[in-house]
Amino acid sequence: MARTEKKELTKIITLLFAFLILSAFLIVSCEQKNSLEESGNALVNSYEKSKKAGEDATLKNIQSAIQIYRATNGEYPNSLKDIENLMRSPIDSNLYQYNPETGEIKLK
């Protein structure tokens, strides 16, 4: 084999080797991205579930406070402000739809 042919063959082999390394790097990078994306999605889903569980628990506590108020006063509270002392914390009335005639409350 002539010297120039060996140089050309060496160039081709070097380029192929570089291509294989680059391809392997890209494959690993894509797999890591998917793994990070999946982890991020799982974290967001976990946050959403815990937020929903907290909202449900708060709603049940407010419902209990409404019933205690009614048992004590013979009527439902006129507004959610009336039961804040029972809840021992302020209630964001923008989050709830409350009917003082029936005592029904739900998340908006």
PDB file of N, CA and C in Angstrom:
ATOM      1  N   MET A   1       0.844  -1.160   0.000  1.00  0.00           N
ATOM      2  CA  MET A   1       0.000   0.000   0.000  1.00  0.00           C
ATOM      3  C   MET A   1       0.898   1.235   0.000  1.00  0.00           C
ATOM      4  N   ALA A   2       0.535   2.196  -0.778  1.00  0.00           N
ATOM      5  CA  ALA A   2       1.340   3.419  -0.875  1.00  0.00           C
ATOM      6  C   ALA A   2       1.136   4.274   0.368  1.00  0.00           C
ATOM      7  N   ARG A   3       2.120   5.125   0.575  1.00  0.00           N
ATOM      8  CA  ARG A   3       2.102   5.958   1.780  1.00  0.00           C
ATOM      9  C   ARG A   3       0.881   6.878   1.804  1.00  0.00           C
ATOM     10  N   THR A   4       0.479   7.455   0.709  1.00  0.00           N
ATOM     11  CA  THR A   4      -0.687   8.338   0.650  1.00  0.00           C
ATOM     12  C   THR A   4      -1.972   7.572   0.919  1.00  0.00           C
ATOM     13  N   GLU A   5      -2.040   6.343   0.452  1.00  0.00           N
ATOM     14  CA  GLU A   5      -3.222   5.512   0.719  1.00  0.00           C
ATOM     15  C   GLU A   5      -3.337   5.211   2.200  1.00  0.00           C
ATOM     16  N   LYS A   6      -2.183   4.956   2.858  1.00  0.00           N
ATOM     17  CA  LYS A   6      -2.207   4.693   4.303  1.00  0.00           C
ATOM     18  C   LYS A   6      -2.671   5.933   5.066  1.00  0.00           C
ATOM     19  N   LYS A   7      -2.221   7.108   4.621  1.00  0.00           N
ATOM     20  CA  LYS A   7      -2.645   8.342   5.277  1.00  0.00           C
ATOM     21  C   LYS A   7      -4.153   8.544   5.122  1.00  0.00           C
ATOM     22  N   GLU A   8      -4.657   8.298   3.924  1.00  0.00           N
ATOM     23  CA  GLU A   8      -6.092   8.437   3.672  1.00  0.00           C
ATOM     24  C   GLU A   8      -6.880   7.432   4.508  1.00  0.00           C
ATOM     25  N   LEU A   9      -6.408   6.197   4.584  1.00  0.00           N
ATOM     26  CA  LEU A   9      -7.066   5.171   5.385  1.00  0.00           C
ATOM     27  C   LEU A   9      -7.046   5.546   6.866  1.00  0.00           C
ATOM     28  N   THR A  10      -5.937   6.071   7.336  1.00  0.00           N
ATOM     29  CA  THR A  10      -5.825   6.521   8.722  1.00  0.00           C
ATOM     30  C   THR A  10      -6.793   7.662   8.988  1.00  0.00           C
ATOM     31  N   LYS A  11      -6.936   8.596   8.042  1.00  0.00           N
ATOM     32  CA  LYS A  11      -7.891   9.701   8.183  1.00  0.00           C
ATOM     33  C   LYS A  11      -9.313   9.169   8.284  1.00  0.00           C
ATOM     34  N   ILE A  12      -9.644   8.235   7.426  1.00  0.00           N
ATOM     35  CA  ILE A  12     -11.002   7.669   7.410  1.00  0.00           C
ATOM     36  C   ILE A  12     -11.290   6.936   8.717  1.00  0.00           C
ATOM     37  N   ILE A  13     -10.330   6.142   9.173  1.00  0.00           N
ATOM     38  CA  ILE A  13     -10.511   5.407  10.429  1.00  0.00           C
ATOM     39  C   ILE A  13     -10.651   6.396  11.591  1.00  0.00           C
ATOM     40  N   THR A  14      -9.852   7.446  11.599  1.00  0.00           N
ATOM     41  CA  THR A  14      -9.924   8.469  12.658  1.00  0.00           C
ATOM     42  C   THR A  14     -11.281   9.157  12.639  1.00  0.00           C
ATOM     43  N   LEU A  15     -11.764   9.510  11.448  1.00  0.00           N
ATOM     44  CA  LEU A  15     -13.078  10.145  11.333  1.00  0.00           C
ATOM     45  C   LEU A  15     -14.197   9.212  11.786  1.00  0.00           C
ATOM     46  N   LEU A  16     -14.110   7.939  11.407  1.00  0.00           N
ATOM     47  CA  LEU A  16     -15.113   6.967  11.845  1.00  0.00           C
ATOM     48  C   LEU A  16     -15.095   6.804  13.367  1.00  0.00           C
ATOM     49  N   PHE A  17     -13.899   6.750  13.937  1.00  0.00           N
ATOM     50  CA  PHE A  17     -13.769   6.616  15.380  1.00  0.00           C
ATOM     51  C   PHE A  17     -14.360   7.843  16.085  1.00  0.00           C
ATOM     52  N   ALA A  18     -14.064   9.031  15.550  1.00  0.00           N
ATOM     53  CA  ALA A  18     -14.610  10.271  16.120  1.00  0.00           C
ATOM     54  C   ALA A  18     -16.133  10.277  15.997  1.00  0.00           C
ATOM     55  N   PHE A  19     -16.651   9.821  14.874  1.00  0.00           N
ATOM     56  CA  PHE A  19     -18.090   9.742  14.676  1.00  0.00           C
ATOM     57  C   PHE A  19     -18.740   8.794  15.681  1.00  0.00           C
ATOM     58  N   LEU A  20     -18.118   7.637  15.911  1.00  0.00           N
ATOM     59  CA  LEU A  20     -18.650   6.676  16.878  1.00  0.00           C
ATOM     60  C   LEU A  20     -18.662   7.248  18.292  1.00  0.00           C
ATOM     61  N   ILE A  21     -17.602   7.940  18.676  1.00  0.00           N
ATOM     62  CA  ILE A  21     -17.547   8.549  20.009  1.00  0.00           C
ATOM     63  C   ILE A  21     -18.623   9.624  20.147  1.00  0.00           C
ATOM     64  N   LEU A  22     -18.764  10.464  19.123  1.00  0.00           N
ATOM     65  CA  LEU A  22     -19.787  11.507  19.144  1.00  0.00           C
ATOM     66  C   LEU A  22     -21.190  10.900  19.210  1.00  0.00           C
ATOM     67  N   SER A  23     -21.435   9.852  18.451  1.00  0.00           N
ATOM     68  CA  SER A  23     -22.738   9.182  18.472  1.00  0.00           C
ATOM     69  C   SER A  23     -23.039   8.616  19.859  1.00  0.00           C
ATOM     70  N   ALA A  24     -22.048   7.967  20.463  1.00  0.00           N
ATOM     71  CA  ALA A  24     -22.242   7.410  21.806  1.00  0.00           C
ATOM     72  C   ALA A  24     -22.534   8.520  22.806  1.00  0.00           C
ATOM     73  N   PHE A  25     -21.834   9.632  22.711  1.00  0.00           N
ATOM     74  CA  PHE A  25     -22.057  10.764  23.600  1.00  0.00           C
ATOM     75  C   PHE A  25     -23.472  11.308  23.446  1.00  0.00           C
ATOM     76  N   LEU A  26     -23.939  11.445  22.211  1.00  0.00           N
ATOM     77  CA  LEU A  26     -25.292  11.948  21.969  1.00  0.00           C
ATOM     78  C   LEU A  26     -26.358  11.003  22.525  1.00  0.00           C
ATOM     79  N   ILE A  27     -26.150   9.712  22.367  1.00  0.00           N
ATOM     80  CA  ILE A  27     -27.104   8.729  22.882  1.00  0.00           C
ATOM     81  C   ILE A  27     -27.192   8.817  24.400  1.00  0.00           C
ATOM     82  N   VAL A  28     -26.040   8.889  25.062  1.00  0.00           N
ATOM     83  CA  VAL A  28     -26.021   9.000  26.524  1.00  0.00           C
ATOM     84  C   VAL A  28     -26.675  10.302  26.974  1.00  0.00           C
ATOM     85  N   SER A  29     -26.403  11.398  26.266  1.00  0.00           N
ATOM     86  CA  SER A  29     -26.983  12.691  26.616  1.00  0.00           C
ATOM     87  C   SER A  29     -28.499  12.659  26.501  1.00  0.00           C
ATOM     88  N   CYS A  30     -29.016  12.045  25.466  1.00  0.00           N
ATOM     89  CA  CYS A  30     -30.469  11.952  25.282  1.00  0.00           C
ATOM     90  C   CYS A  30     -31.101  11.135  26.389  1.00  0.00           C
ATOM     91  N   GLU A  31     -30.470  10.045  26.769  1.00  0.00           N
ATOM     92  CA  GLU A  31     -31.005   9.210  27.847  1.00  0.00           C
ATOM     93  C   GLU A  31     -31.012   9.969  29.163  1.00  0.00           C
ATOM     94  N   GLN A  32     -29.965  10.739  29.439  1.00  0.00           N
ATOM     95  CA  GLN A  32     -29.919  11.515  30.671  1.00  0.00           C
ATOM     96  C   GLN A  32     -30.981  12.597  30.652  1.00  0.00           C
ATOM     97  N   LYS A  33     -31.209  13.239  29.522  1.00  0.00           N
ATOM     98  CA  LYS A  33     -32.233  14.271  29.425  1.00  0.00           C
ATOM     99  C   LYS A  33     -33.600  13.683  29.730  1.00  0.00           C
ATOM    100  N   ASN A  34     -33.898  12.520  29.158  1.00  0.00           N
ATOM    101  CA  ASN A  34     -35.177  11.879  29.414  1.00  0.00           C
ATOM    102  C   ASN A  34     -35.313  11.536  30.892  1.00  0.00           C
ATOM    103  N   SER A  35     -34.232  11.067  31.489  1.00  0.00           N
ATOM    104  CA  SER A  35     -34.266  10.733  32.901  1.00  0.00           C
ATOM    105  C   SER A  35     -34.518  11.973  33.747  1.00  0.00           C
ATOM    106  N   LEU A  36     -33.852  13.082  33.419  1.00  0.00           N
ATOM    107  CA  LEU A  36     -34.063  14.333  34.146  1.00  0.00           C
ATOM    108  C   LEU A  36     -35.471  14.852  33.919  1.00  0.00           C
ATOM    109  N   GLU A  37     -35.949  14.739  32.706  1.00  0.00           N
ATOM    110  CA  GLU A  37     -37.305  15.189  32.397  1.00  0.00           C
ATOM    111  C   GLU A  37     -38.327  14.369  33.180  1.00  0.00           C
ATOM    112  N   GLU A  38     -38.126  13.055  33.231  1.00  0.00           N
ATOM    113  CA  GLU A  38     -39.028  12.193  33.987  1.00  0.00           C
ATOM    114  C   GLU A  38     -38.993  12.538  35.475  1.00  0.00           C
ATOM    115  N   SER A  39     -37.804  12.796  35.998  1.00  0.00           N
ATOM    116  CA  SER A  39     -37.681  13.177  37.408  1.00  0.00           C
ATOM    117  C   SER A  39     -38.392  14.492  37.674  1.00  0.00           C
ATOM    118  N   GLY A  40     -38.229  15.441  36.776  1.00  0.00           N
ATOM    119  CA  GLY A  40     -38.907  16.728  36.919  1.00  0.00           C
ATOM    120  C   GLY A  40     -40.416  16.572  36.877  1.00  0.00           C
ATOM    121  N   ASN A  41     -40.902  15.760  35.951  1.00  0.00           N
ATOM    122  CA  ASN A  41     -42.346  15.521  35.858  1.00  0.00           C
ATOM    123  C   ASN A  41     -42.876  14.843  37.117  1.00  0.00           C
ATOM    124  N   ALA A  42     -42.116  13.889  37.645  1.00  0.00           N
ATOM    125  CA  ALA A  42     -42.535  13.205  38.865  1.00  0.00           C
ATOM    126  C   ALA A  42     -42.587  14.183  40.034  1.00  0.00           C
ATOM    127  N   LEU A  43     -41.635  15.087  40.089  1.00  0.00           N
ATOM    128  CA  LEU A  43     -41.610  16.083  41.158  1.00  0.00           C
ATOM    129  C   LEU A  43     -42.809  17.021  41.057  1.00  0.00           C
ATOM    130  N   VAL A  44     -43.123  17.472  39.852  1.00  0.00           N
ATOM    131  CA  VAL A  44     -44.283  18.348  39.651  1.00  0.00           C
ATOM    132  C   VAL A  44     -45.569  17.609  40.004  1.00  0.00           C
ATOM    133  N   ASN A  45     -45.686  16.356  39.573  1.00  0.00           N
ATOM    134  CA  ASN A  45     -46.885  15.574  39.897  1.00  0.00           C
ATOM    135  C   ASN A  45     -47.035  15.383  41.390  1.00  0.00           C
ATOM    136  N   SER A  46     -45.935  15.119  42.069  1.00  0.00           N
ATOM    137  CA  SER A  46     -45.961  14.949  43.513  1.00  0.00           C
ATOM    138  C   SER A  46     -46.411  16.236  44.196  1.00  0.00           C
ATOM    139  N   TYR A  47     -45.894  17.363  43.732  1.00  0.00           N
ATOM    140  CA  TYR A  47     -46.290  18.662  44.294  1.00  0.00           C
ATOM    141  C   TYR A  47     -47.788  18.889  44.091  1.00  0.00           C
ATOM    142  N   GLU A  48     -48.284  18.634  42.888  1.00  0.00           N
ATOM    143  CA  GLU A  48     -49.705  18.846  42.596  1.00  0.00           C
ATOM    144  C   GLU A  48     -50.584  17.960  43.480  1.00  0.00           C
ATOM    145  N   LYS A  49     -50.176  16.706  43.673  1.00  0.00           N
ATOM    146  CA  LYS A  49     -50.956  15.791  44.519  1.00  0.00           C
ATOM    147  C   LYS A  49     -50.973  16.263  45.965  1.00  0.00           C
ATOM    148  N   SER A  50     -49.818  16.700  46.466  1.00  0.00           N
ATOM    149  CA  SER A  50     -49.767  17.154  47.852  1.00  0.00           C
ATOM    150  C   SER A  50     -50.546  18.452  48.030  1.00  0.00           C
ATOM    151  N   LYS A  51     -50.511  19.320  47.025  1.00  0.00           N
ATOM    152  CA  LYS A  51     -51.288  20.558  47.074  1.00  0.00           C
ATOM    153  C   LYS A  51     -52.782  20.242  47.133  1.00  0.00           C
ATOM    154  N   LYS A  52     -53.216  19.304  46.300  1.00  0.00           N
ATOM    155  CA  LYS A  52     -54.627  18.898  46.276  1.00  0.00           C
ATOM    156  C   LYS A  52     -55.030  18.269  47.611  1.00  0.00           C
ATOM    157  N   ALA A  53     -54.163  17.436  48.179  1.00  0.00           N
ATOM    158  CA  ALA A  53     -54.457  16.807  49.475  1.00  0.00           C
ATOM    159  C   ALA A  53     -54.585  17.866  50.563  1.00  0.00           C
ATOM    160  N   GLY A  54     -53.717  18.885  50.529  1.00  0.00           N
ATOM    161  CA  GLY A  54     -53.791  19.976  51.494  1.00  0.00           C
ATOM    162  C   GLY A  54     -55.080  20.772  51.351  1.00  0.00           C
ATOM    163  N   GLU A  55     -55.467  21.047  50.115  1.00  0.00           N
ATOM    164  CA  GLU A  55     -56.719  21.768  49.867  1.00  0.00           C
ATOM    165  C   GLU A  55     -57.921  20.974  50.359  1.00  0.00           C
ATOM    166  N   ASP A  56     -57.920  19.665  50.106  1.00  0.00           N
ATOM    167  CA  ASP A  56     -59.020  18.808  50.562  1.00  0.00           C
ATOM    168  C   ASP A  56     -59.099  18.772  52.085  1.00  0.00           C
ATOM    169  N   ALA A  57     -57.947  18.673  52.751  1.00  0.00           N
ATOM    170  CA  ALA A  57     -57.919  18.644  54.216  1.00  0.00           C
ATOM    171  C   ALA A  57     -58.421  19.961  54.791  1.00  0.00           C
ATOM    172  N   THR A  58     -58.005  21.071  54.203  1.00  0.00           N
ATOM    173  CA  THR A  58     -58.461  22.380  54.671  1.00  0.00           C
ATOM    174  C   THR A  58     -59.964  22.521  54.470  1.00  0.00           C
ATOM    175  N   LEU A  59     -60.460  22.063  53.340  1.00  0.00           N
ATOM    176  CA  LEU A  59     -61.897  22.116  53.072  1.00  0.00           C
ATOM    177  C   LEU A  59     -62.668  21.322  54.120  1.00  0.00           C
ATOM    178  N   LYS A  60     -62.194  20.135  54.472  1.00  0.00           N
ATOM    179  CA  LYS A  60     -62.872  19.320  55.497  1.00  0.00           C
ATOM    180  C   LYS A  60     -62.849  20.016  56.859  1.00  0.00           C
ATOM    181  N   ASN A  61     -61.735  20.676  57.174  1.00  0.00           N
ATOM    182  CA  ASN A  61     -61.654  21.410  58.438  1.00  0.00           C
ATOM    183  C   ASN A  61     -62.637  22.579  58.463  1.00  0.00           C
ATOM    184  N   ILE A  62     -62.764  23.272  57.350  1.00  0.00           N
ATOM    185  CA  ILE A  62     -63.725  24.374  57.270  1.00  0.00           C
ATOM    186  C   ILE A  62     -65.145  23.840  57.402  1.00  0.00           C
ATOM    187  N   GLN A  63     -65.445  22.713  56.758  1.00  0.00           N
ATOM    188  CA  GLN A  63     -66.780  22.106  56.873  1.00  0.00           C
ATOM    189  C   GLN A  63     -67.078  21.755  58.324  1.00  0.00           C
ATOM    190  N   SER A  64     -66.095  21.221  59.022  1.00  0.00           N
ATOM    191  CA  SER A  64     -66.280  20.890  60.447  1.00  0.00           C
ATOM    192  C   SER A  64     -66.520  22.148  61.258  1.00  0.00           C
ATOM    193  N   ALA A  65     -65.776  23.196  60.985  1.00  0.00           N
ATOM    194  CA  ALA A  65     -65.952  24.457  61.709  1.00  0.00           C
ATOM    195  C   ALA A  65     -67.344  25.042  61.452  1.00  0.00           C
ATOM    196  N   ILE A  66     -67.844  24.919  60.234  1.00  0.00           N
ATOM    197  CA  ILE A  66     -69.199  25.390  59.911  1.00  0.00           C
ATOM    198  C   ILE A  66     -70.225  24.618  60.737  1.00  0.00           C
ATOM    199  N   GLN A  67     -70.045  23.311  60.841  1.00  0.00           N
ATOM    200  CA  GLN A  67     -70.985  22.492  61.623  1.00  0.00           C
ATOM    201  C   GLN A  67     -70.918  22.821  63.121  1.00  0.00           C
ATOM    202  N   ILE A  68     -69.716  23.049  63.629  1.00  0.00           N
ATOM    203  CA  ILE A  68     -69.564  23.437  65.039  1.00  0.00           C
ATOM    204  C   ILE A  68     -70.232  24.785  65.281  1.00  0.00           C
ATOM    205  N   TYR A  69     -70.038  25.723  64.372  1.00  0.00           N
ATOM    206  CA  TYR A  69     -70.666  27.034  64.485  1.00  0.00           C
ATOM    207  C   TYR A  69     -72.186  26.894  64.515  1.00  0.00           C
ATOM    208  N   ARG A  70     -72.716  26.059  63.627  1.00  0.00           N
ATOM    209  CA  ARG A  70     -74.175  25.873  63.565  1.00  0.00           C
ATOM    210  C   ARG A  70     -74.699  25.230  64.840  1.00  0.00           C
ATOM    211  N   ALA A  71     -73.970  24.225  65.349  1.00  0.00           N
ATOM    212  CA  ALA A  71     -74.396  23.564  66.584  1.00  0.00           C
ATOM    213  C   ALA A  71     -74.383  24.536  67.763  1.00  0.00           C
ATOM    214  N   THR A  72     -73.451  25.460  67.756  1.00  0.00           N
ATOM    215  CA  THR A  72     -73.318  26.412  68.850  1.00  0.00           C
ATOM    216  C   THR A  72     -74.300  27.575  68.728  1.00  0.00           C
ATOM    217  N   ASN A  73     -74.526  28.060  67.495  1.00  0.00           N
ATOM    218  CA  ASN A  73     -75.320  29.277  67.284  1.00  0.00           C
ATOM    219  C   ASN A  73     -76.707  29.044  66.688  1.00  0.00           C
ATOM    220  N   GLY A  74     -77.012  27.824  66.306  1.00  0.00           N
ATOM    221  CA  GLY A  74     -78.328  27.521  65.753  1.00  0.00           C
ATOM    222  C   GLY A  74     -78.509  27.956  64.306  1.00  0.00           C
ATOM    223  N   GLU A  75     -77.481  28.445  63.688  1.00  0.00           N
ATOM    224  CA  GLU A  75     -77.552  28.848  62.280  1.00  0.00           C
ATOM    225  C   GLU A  75     -76.152  28.742  61.668  1.00  0.00           C
ATOM    226  N   TYR A  76     -76.135  28.737  60.341  1.00  0.00           N
ATOM    227  CA  TYR A  76     -74.848  28.703  59.656  1.00  0.00           C
ATOM    228  C   TYR A  76     -74.205  30.083  59.740  1.00  0.00           C
ATOM    229  N   PRO A  77     -72.897  30.128  59.681  1.00  0.00           N
ATOM    230  CA  PRO A  77     -72.234  31.441  59.700  1.00  0.00           C
ATOM    231  C   PRO A  77     -72.603  32.253  58.456  1.00  0.00           C
ATOM    232  N   ASN A  78     -72.688  33.569  58.623  1.00  0.00           N
ATOM    233  CA  ASN A  78     -73.020  34.445  57.490  1.00  0.00           C
ATOM    234  C   ASN A  78     -71.891  34.479  56.467  1.00  0.00           C
ATOM    235  N   SER A  79     -70.668  34.352  56.947  1.00  0.00           N
ATOM    236  CA  SER A  79     -69.519  34.343  56.048  1.00  0.00           C
ATOM    237  C   SER A  79     -68.425  33.475  56.663  1.00  0.00           C
ATOM    238  N   LEU A  80     -67.424  33.195  55.885  1.00  0.00           N
ATOM    239  CA  LEU A  80     -66.310  32.383  56.387  1.00  0.00           C
ATOM    240  C   LEU A  80     -65.511  33.139  57.448  1.00  0.00           C
ATOM    241  N   LYS A  81     -65.585  34.453  57.450  1.00  0.00           N
ATOM    242  CA  LYS A  81     -64.919  35.251  58.493  1.00  0.00           C
ATOM    243  C   LYS A  81     -65.439  34.875  59.876  1.00  0.00           C
ATOM    244  N   ASP A  82     -66.724  34.487  59.958  1.00  0.00           N
ATOM    245  CA  ASP A  82     -67.342  34.147  61.243  1.00  0.00           C
ATOM    246  C   ASP A  82     -66.738  32.905  61.893  1.00  0.00           C
ATOM    247  N   ILE A  83     -66.054  32.067  61.121  1.00  0.00           N
ATOM    248  CA  ILE A  83     -65.482  30.836  61.702  1.00  0.00           C
ATOM    249  C   ILE A  83     -63.957  30.870  61.783  1.00  0.00           C
ATOM    250  N   GLU A  84     -63.362  31.992  61.457  1.00  0.00           N
ATOM    251  CA  GLU A  84     -61.901  32.070  61.500  1.00  0.00           C
ATOM    252  C   GLU A  84     -61.352  31.799  62.906  1.00  0.00           C
ATOM    253  N   ASN A  85     -62.102  32.209  63.952  1.00  0.00           N
ATOM    254  CA  ASN A  85     -61.649  31.914  65.321  1.00  0.00           C
ATOM    255  C   ASN A  85     -61.632  30.410  65.582  1.00  0.00           C
ATOM    256  N   LEU A  86     -62.615  29.700  65.057  1.00  0.00           N
ATOM    257  CA  LEU A  86     -62.639  28.238  65.211  1.00  0.00           C
ATOM    258  C   LEU A  86     -61.484  27.593  64.441  1.00  0.00           C
ATOM    259  N   MET A  87     -61.150  28.164  63.302  1.00  0.00           N
ATOM    260  CA  MET A  87     -60.079  27.625  62.467  1.00  0.00           C
ATOM    261  C   MET A  87     -58.698  28.046  62.998  1.00  0.00           C
ATOM    262  N   ARG A  88     -58.679  29.087  63.789  1.00  0.00           N
ATOM    263  CA  ARG A  88     -57.440  29.655  64.341  1.00  0.00           C
ATOM    264  C   ARG A  88     -56.477  30.119  63.250  1.00  0.00           C
ATOM    265  N   SER A  89     -57.040  30.466  62.120  1.00  0.00           N
ATOM    266  CA  SER A  89     -56.246  31.042  61.031  1.00  0.00           C
ATOM    267  C   SER A  89     -57.201  31.718  60.057  1.00  0.00           C
ATOM    268  N   PRO A  90     -56.692  32.695  59.318  1.00  0.00           N
ATOM    269  CA  PRO A  90     -57.553  33.352  58.317  1.00  0.00           C
ATOM    270  C   PRO A  90     -57.923  32.384  57.192  1.00  0.00           C
ATOM    271  N   ILE A  91     -59.087  32.601  56.646  1.00  0.00           N
ATOM    272  CA  ILE A  91     -59.562  31.785  55.526  1.00  0.00           C
ATOM    273  C   ILE A  91     -59.613  32.677  54.295  1.00  0.00           C
ATOM    274  N   ASP A  92     -58.972  32.249  53.232  1.00  0.00           N
ATOM    275  CA  ASP A  92     -59.007  33.003  51.977  1.00  0.00           C
ATOM    276  C   ASP A  92     -60.324  32.694  51.274  1.00  0.00           C
ATOM    277  N   SER A  93     -61.278  33.580  51.427  1.00  0.00           N
ATOM    278  CA  SER A  93     -62.609  33.334  50.869  1.00  0.00           C
ATOM    279  C   SER A  93     -62.622  33.347  49.345  1.00  0.00           C
ATOM    280  N   ASN A  94     -61.537  33.811  48.726  1.00  0.00           N
ATOM    281  CA  ASN A  94     -61.452  33.772  47.259  1.00  0.00           C
ATOM    282  C   ASN A  94     -61.272  32.345  46.742  1.00  0.00           C
ATOM    283  N   LEU A  95     -60.862  31.434  47.618  1.00  0.00           N
ATOM    284  CA  LEU A  95     -60.638  30.048  47.197  1.00  0.00           C
ATOM    285  C   LEU A  95     -61.897  29.186  47.289  1.00  0.00           C
ATOM    286  N   TYR A  96     -62.923  29.692  47.993  1.00  0.00           N
ATOM    287  CA  TYR A  96     -64.084  28.869  48.293  1.00  0.00           C
ATOM    288  C   TYR A  96     -65.369  29.541  47.842  1.00  0.00           C
ATOM    289  N   GLN A  97     -66.337  28.690  47.548  1.00  0.00           N
ATOM    290  CA  GLN A  97     -67.691  29.146  47.264  1.00  0.00           C
ATOM    291  C   GLN A  97     -68.541  28.686  48.441  1.00  0.00           C
ATOM    292  N   TYR A  98     -69.072  29.649  49.204  1.00  0.00           N
ATOM    293  CA  TYR A  98     -69.805  29.324  50.421  1.00  0.00           C
ATOM    294  C   TYR A  98     -71.237  29.822  50.313  1.00  0.00           C
ATOM    295  N   ASN A  99     -72.185  28.945  50.706  1.00  0.00           N
ATOM    296  CA  ASN A  99     -73.603  29.304  50.730  1.00  0.00           C
ATOM    297  C   ASN A  99     -74.041  29.358  52.195  1.00  0.00           C
ATOM    298  N   PRO A 100     -74.262  30.557  52.754  1.00  0.00           N
ATOM    299  CA  PRO A 100     -74.627  30.665  54.163  1.00  0.00           C
ATOM    300  C   PRO A 100     -76.020  30.138  54.492  1.00  0.00           C
ATOM    301  N   GLU A 101     -76.861  29.957  53.489  1.00  0.00           N
ATOM    302  CA  GLU A 101     -78.205  29.427  53.736  1.00  0.00           C
ATOM    303  C   GLU A 101     -78.177  27.921  53.988  1.00  0.00           C
ATOM    304  N   THR A 102     -77.273  27.227  53.300  1.00  0.00           N
ATOM    305  CA  THR A 102     -77.201  25.765  53.422  1.00  0.00           C
ATOM    306  C   THR A 102     -75.951  25.287  54.158  1.00  0.00           C
ATOM    307  N   GLY A 103     -74.984  26.178  54.341  1.00  0.00           N
ATOM    308  CA  GLY A 103     -73.723  25.791  54.964  1.00  0.00           C
ATOM    309  C   GLY A 103     -72.812  25.033  54.031  1.00  0.00           C
ATOM    310  N   GLU A 104     -73.185  24.949  52.756  1.00  0.00           N
ATOM    311  CA  GLU A 104     -72.378  24.198  51.769  1.00  0.00           C
ATOM    312  C   GLU A 104     -71.175  25.026  51.347  1.00  0.00           C
ATOM    313  N   ILE A 105     -70.034  24.376  51.276  1.00  0.00           N
ATOM    314  CA  ILE A 105     -68.813  25.028  50.846  1.00  0.00           C
ATOM    315  C   ILE A 105     -68.068  24.107  49.885  1.00  0.00           C
ATOM    316  N   LYS A 106     -67.443  24.708  48.882  1.00  0.00           N
ATOM    317  CA  LYS A 106     -66.624  23.932  47.948  1.00  0.00           C
ATOM    318  C   LYS A 106     -65.536  24.827  47.391  1.00  0.00           C
ATOM    319  N   LEU A 107     -64.513  24.189  46.858  1.00  0.00           N
ATOM    320  CA  LEU A 107     -63.426  24.917  46.216  1.00  0.00           C
ATOM    321  C   LEU A 107     -63.933  25.525  44.918  1.00  0.00           C
ATOM    322  N   LYS A 108     -63.445  26.714  44.627  1.00  0.00           N
ATOM    323  CA  LYS A 108     -63.826  27.359  43.352  1.00  0.00           C
ATOM    324  C   LYS A 108     -63.086  26.709  42.218  1.00  0.00           C
TER     325      LYS A 108
END
